[in-house]
Structure formats: structure tokens, C-alpha cells
N, C-alpha and C. Protein backbone atom coordinates (compact mmCIF):
# COMPACT_ATOMS: atom_id res chain seq x y z
N MET A 1 71.18 -4.60 44.54
CA MET A 1 69.62 -5.10 44.79
C MET A 1 69.40 -4.49 46.30
N GLU A 2 70.26 -4.04 47.22
CA GLU A 2 69.54 -3.44 48.33
C GLU A 2 69.74 -2.08 48.02
N ARG A 3 70.06 -1.55 47.35
CA ARG A 3 69.90 0.15 46.82
C ARG A 3 68.51 -0.02 46.38
N LYS A 4 67.98 -0.98 45.53
CA LYS A 4 66.38 -0.88 45.20
C LYS A 4 65.69 -1.36 46.53
N LYS A 5 65.79 -1.72 47.16
CA LYS A 5 65.17 -2.14 48.55
C LYS A 5 65.11 -1.03 48.92
N LYS A 6 66.26 -0.10 49.66
CA LYS A 6 66.20 0.68 50.10
C LYS A 6 65.40 2.11 49.60
N TYR A 7 65.55 2.08 48.53
CA TYR A 7 65.07 3.18 47.57
C TYR A 7 63.14 2.71 47.82
N LEU A 8 62.93 1.79 48.04
CA LEU A 8 61.72 1.39 47.96
C LEU A 8 60.97 1.54 49.25
N TYR A 9 61.86 1.19 50.23
CA TYR A 9 61.40 1.88 51.49
C TYR A 9 61.29 3.27 51.73
N VAL A 10 62.51 4.11 51.04
CA VAL A 10 62.12 5.28 51.52
C VAL A 10 61.16 6.05 50.87
N ALA A 11 60.73 5.63 49.77
CA ALA A 11 59.42 6.34 48.97
C ALA A 11 58.38 5.81 49.67
N ILE A 12 58.08 4.30 50.02
CA ILE A 12 57.15 3.94 50.94
C ILE A 12 56.83 4.57 52.38
N LYS A 13 57.69 5.01 53.02
CA LYS A 13 58.00 5.73 54.09
C LYS A 13 57.42 6.84 54.17
N ASP A 14 57.99 7.70 52.87
CA ASP A 14 57.83 9.27 52.64
C ASP A 14 56.26 9.26 52.41
N ALA A 15 55.55 7.97 51.66
CA ALA A 15 54.22 8.62 51.27
C ALA A 15 53.32 8.09 52.14
N ALA A 16 53.79 6.98 53.12
CA ALA A 16 52.42 6.86 54.44
C ALA A 16 52.86 8.00 55.64
N ASP A 17 54.41 8.79 55.30
CA ASP A 17 53.84 9.76 56.43
C ASP A 17 53.75 11.23 55.76
N GLU A 18 53.40 11.30 54.61
CA GLU A 18 52.25 12.02 54.15
C GLU A 18 51.06 11.53 53.90
N GLY A 19 50.64 10.72 54.38
CA GLY A 19 49.11 10.11 54.56
C GLY A 19 48.93 9.44 53.05
N LEU A 20 49.49 9.10 52.29
CA LEU A 20 49.17 8.94 50.68
C LEU A 20 48.85 7.44 50.78
N ILE A 21 49.73 6.74 51.40
CA ILE A 21 49.28 5.13 51.72
C ILE A 21 49.14 5.03 53.04
N LYS A 22 48.51 3.43 53.20
CA LYS A 22 48.55 3.06 54.56
C LYS A 22 49.12 1.89 54.88
N THR A 23 50.19 2.31 55.44
CA THR A 23 50.98 0.80 55.87
C THR A 23 51.45 1.16 57.42
N LYS A 24 51.35 -0.21 58.06
CA LYS A 24 52.05 0.14 59.65
C LYS A 24 53.95 -0.13 59.61
N ASP A 25 54.20 -0.94 58.72
CA ASP A 25 55.62 -1.10 58.85
C ASP A 25 56.09 -0.92 57.26
N ALA A 26 56.58 -0.02 56.84
CA ALA A 26 57.27 0.92 55.91
C ALA A 26 58.12 -0.66 55.16
N ALA A 27 59.10 -0.90 56.11
CA ALA A 27 60.05 -2.01 55.52
C ALA A 27 59.39 -3.35 54.96
N GLU A 28 58.80 -3.66 55.90
CA GLU A 28 57.88 -4.98 55.39
C GLU A 28 57.13 -4.69 53.94
N THR A 29 56.66 -3.71 54.25
CA THR A 29 55.67 -3.19 52.86
C THR A 29 56.80 -3.35 51.54
N ALA A 30 58.31 -2.62 52.06
CA ALA A 30 59.04 -2.61 50.81
C ALA A 30 59.41 -3.89 50.70
N ARG A 31 59.83 -4.56 51.75
CA ARG A 31 60.29 -6.10 51.27
C ARG A 31 59.22 -6.76 50.17
N LYS A 32 57.96 -6.70 50.83
CA LYS A 32 57.20 -7.65 50.10
C LYS A 32 56.62 -7.13 48.39
N ALA A 33 56.91 -5.95 48.49
CA ALA A 33 56.48 -5.11 46.94
C ALA A 33 57.75 -5.48 46.21
N TYR A 34 59.32 -5.65 46.86
CA TYR A 34 60.28 -5.89 46.15
C TYR A 34 60.15 -7.50 45.74
N THR A 35 60.01 -8.20 46.72
CA THR A 35 59.83 -9.37 46.18
C THR A 35 58.64 -10.05 45.09
N TYR A 36 57.47 -9.47 45.52
CA TYR A 36 56.56 -9.59 44.15
C TYR A 36 56.80 -8.95 43.01
N TYR A 37 57.64 -7.82 42.81
CA TYR A 37 58.34 -6.92 41.70
C TYR A 37 58.95 -8.26 40.97
N MET A 38 60.13 -8.56 41.53
CA MET A 38 61.14 -9.77 41.11
C MET A 38 60.47 -11.08 40.50
N GLY A 39 59.49 -11.35 41.33
CA GLY A 39 59.06 -12.64 40.76
C GLY A 39 58.07 -12.64 39.73
N ALA A 40 57.26 -10.96 39.53
CA ALA A 40 56.83 -10.73 38.10
C ALA A 40 57.55 -10.79 37.27
N VAL A 41 59.04 -10.05 37.50
CA VAL A 41 59.85 -10.11 36.36
C VAL A 41 60.38 -11.61 36.09
N MET A 42 60.85 -12.20 36.82
CA MET A 42 60.87 -13.61 36.58
C MET A 42 59.80 -14.51 35.88
N GLU A 43 58.63 -13.79 36.40
CA GLU A 43 57.93 -15.19 35.30
C GLU A 43 57.71 -14.44 33.53
N ALA A 44 57.98 -13.61 34.04
CA ALA A 44 57.77 -12.67 32.19
C ALA A 44 59.22 -13.14 31.66
N ARG A 45 60.30 -13.31 32.27
CA ARG A 45 61.18 -13.75 31.72
C ARG A 45 61.29 -15.26 31.23
N ILE A 46 60.96 -15.96 32.26
CA ILE A 46 60.53 -17.43 32.02
C ILE A 46 59.86 -17.66 30.43
N TYR A 47 58.48 -16.89 30.68
CA TYR A 47 57.66 -16.92 29.39
C TYR A 47 57.99 -16.12 28.19
N ASN A 48 59.48 -15.38 28.20
CA ASN A 48 59.46 -14.42 27.36
C ASN A 48 58.36 -13.72 26.78
N ASP A 49 57.77 -12.88 27.85
CA ASP A 49 56.56 -12.57 27.62
C ASP A 49 56.05 -11.08 28.56
N LEU A 50 56.36 -9.70 27.90
CA LEU A 50 56.06 -8.75 28.76
C LEU A 50 54.51 -8.66 29.45
N SER A 51 54.13 -8.91 28.41
CA SER A 51 52.60 -8.86 28.85
C SER A 51 52.12 -9.16 30.27
N ARG A 52 53.21 -9.96 30.53
CA ARG A 52 52.37 -10.57 32.26
C ARG A 52 52.98 -9.26 33.55
N LEU A 53 53.91 -8.65 32.58
CA LEU A 53 54.08 -7.25 33.35
C LEU A 53 52.83 -6.31 33.77
N ALA A 54 52.00 -6.24 32.89
CA ALA A 54 50.68 -5.49 32.33
C ALA A 54 50.05 -4.90 33.79
N ASN A 55 49.89 -5.42 34.65
CA ASN A 55 49.36 -5.21 36.01
C ASN A 55 50.14 -4.86 37.33
N VAL A 56 51.39 -5.22 36.80
CA VAL A 56 52.03 -4.83 38.28
C VAL A 56 52.06 -3.58 39.01
N LYS A 57 52.24 -2.74 38.17
CA LYS A 57 52.00 -1.57 38.82
C LYS A 57 50.98 -0.77 39.30
N TYR A 58 49.21 -1.55 39.08
CA TYR A 58 48.46 -1.73 40.16
C TYR A 58 48.36 -2.63 40.87
N ASP A 59 48.91 -3.77 40.75
CA ASP A 59 49.26 -4.65 42.13
C ASP A 59 50.02 -3.97 42.99
N LEU A 60 51.16 -3.44 43.07
CA LEU A 60 52.01 -2.84 43.44
C LEU A 60 51.26 -1.29 44.36
N LEU A 61 50.59 -0.67 43.68
CA LEU A 61 49.88 -0.02 44.44
C LEU A 61 48.75 0.00 45.24
N GLU A 62 47.91 -1.01 44.81
CA GLU A 62 47.22 -1.69 45.82
C GLU A 62 47.88 -2.41 47.34
N MET A 63 48.90 -2.86 46.75
CA MET A 63 49.88 -3.65 48.09
C MET A 63 50.41 -2.70 49.27
N VAL A 64 50.63 -1.66 48.52
CA VAL A 64 50.91 -0.86 49.72
C VAL A 64 49.77 0.02 50.24
N GLY A 65 48.54 -0.14 49.52
CA GLY A 65 47.69 0.67 50.29
C GLY A 65 47.64 1.99 49.83
N ALA A 66 47.66 2.19 48.22
CA ALA A 66 47.03 3.36 47.34
C ALA A 66 46.37 2.92 46.40
N LYS A 67 45.26 2.28 47.19
CA LYS A 67 43.97 1.80 46.20
C LYS A 67 43.51 2.89 45.64
N GLU A 68 43.05 3.82 45.91
CA GLU A 68 43.18 5.16 45.08
C GLU A 68 43.63 5.84 43.94
N ALA A 69 44.66 5.55 44.39
CA ALA A 69 45.94 6.07 43.48
C ALA A 69 45.88 4.81 42.20
N ALA A 70 45.90 3.63 42.46
CA ALA A 70 45.55 2.43 41.48
C ALA A 70 44.51 3.07 40.37
N ALA A 71 43.24 3.55 41.01
CA ALA A 71 42.02 3.72 40.51
C ALA A 71 42.53 4.79 39.16
N LYS A 72 43.00 5.74 39.75
CA LYS A 72 43.44 6.88 39.11
C LYS A 72 44.27 7.28 37.40
N THR A 73 45.34 6.22 37.64
CA THR A 73 45.98 5.85 37.02
C THR A 73 45.51 5.13 35.80
């Protein structure tokens, strides 16, 4: 679990350093993104319905400040 959080942190920090996303605190943004993702996965498991994960990608892109990227995909 910690490895996944670290991966998210590094990806968010690198994207912020390159100006691709807007975040003031990459560690906090990574924690929030991971928590959101795990909650969405848990909900999909509870309802046995993968369609509940359909918008997770777009929600996470918006969460990290990549609204433009979310609109392009």
C-alpha cells in the first residue's frame, strides 16, 4: 500500500514540477487521490459493479488539477 502511495506522490510531484497540474502539496494531493481511489474500489466491490469505477479516472484528473487533461481523454 505504501508503495502505491509513493508512486502517486512521485507522479503528482513530477507533473506539478513540469507545470502539468496545479497543486501546492503533492504529498497531500497523493494521499487524497489514493483515499478516493480506494473508496471507489471498495464501493464497486460492495455493489459487485465495475461500472461504478467508470468516472474515477476523470475525477482523479480533476482532483489533481488536470482539468484540461480530463477533458481531452
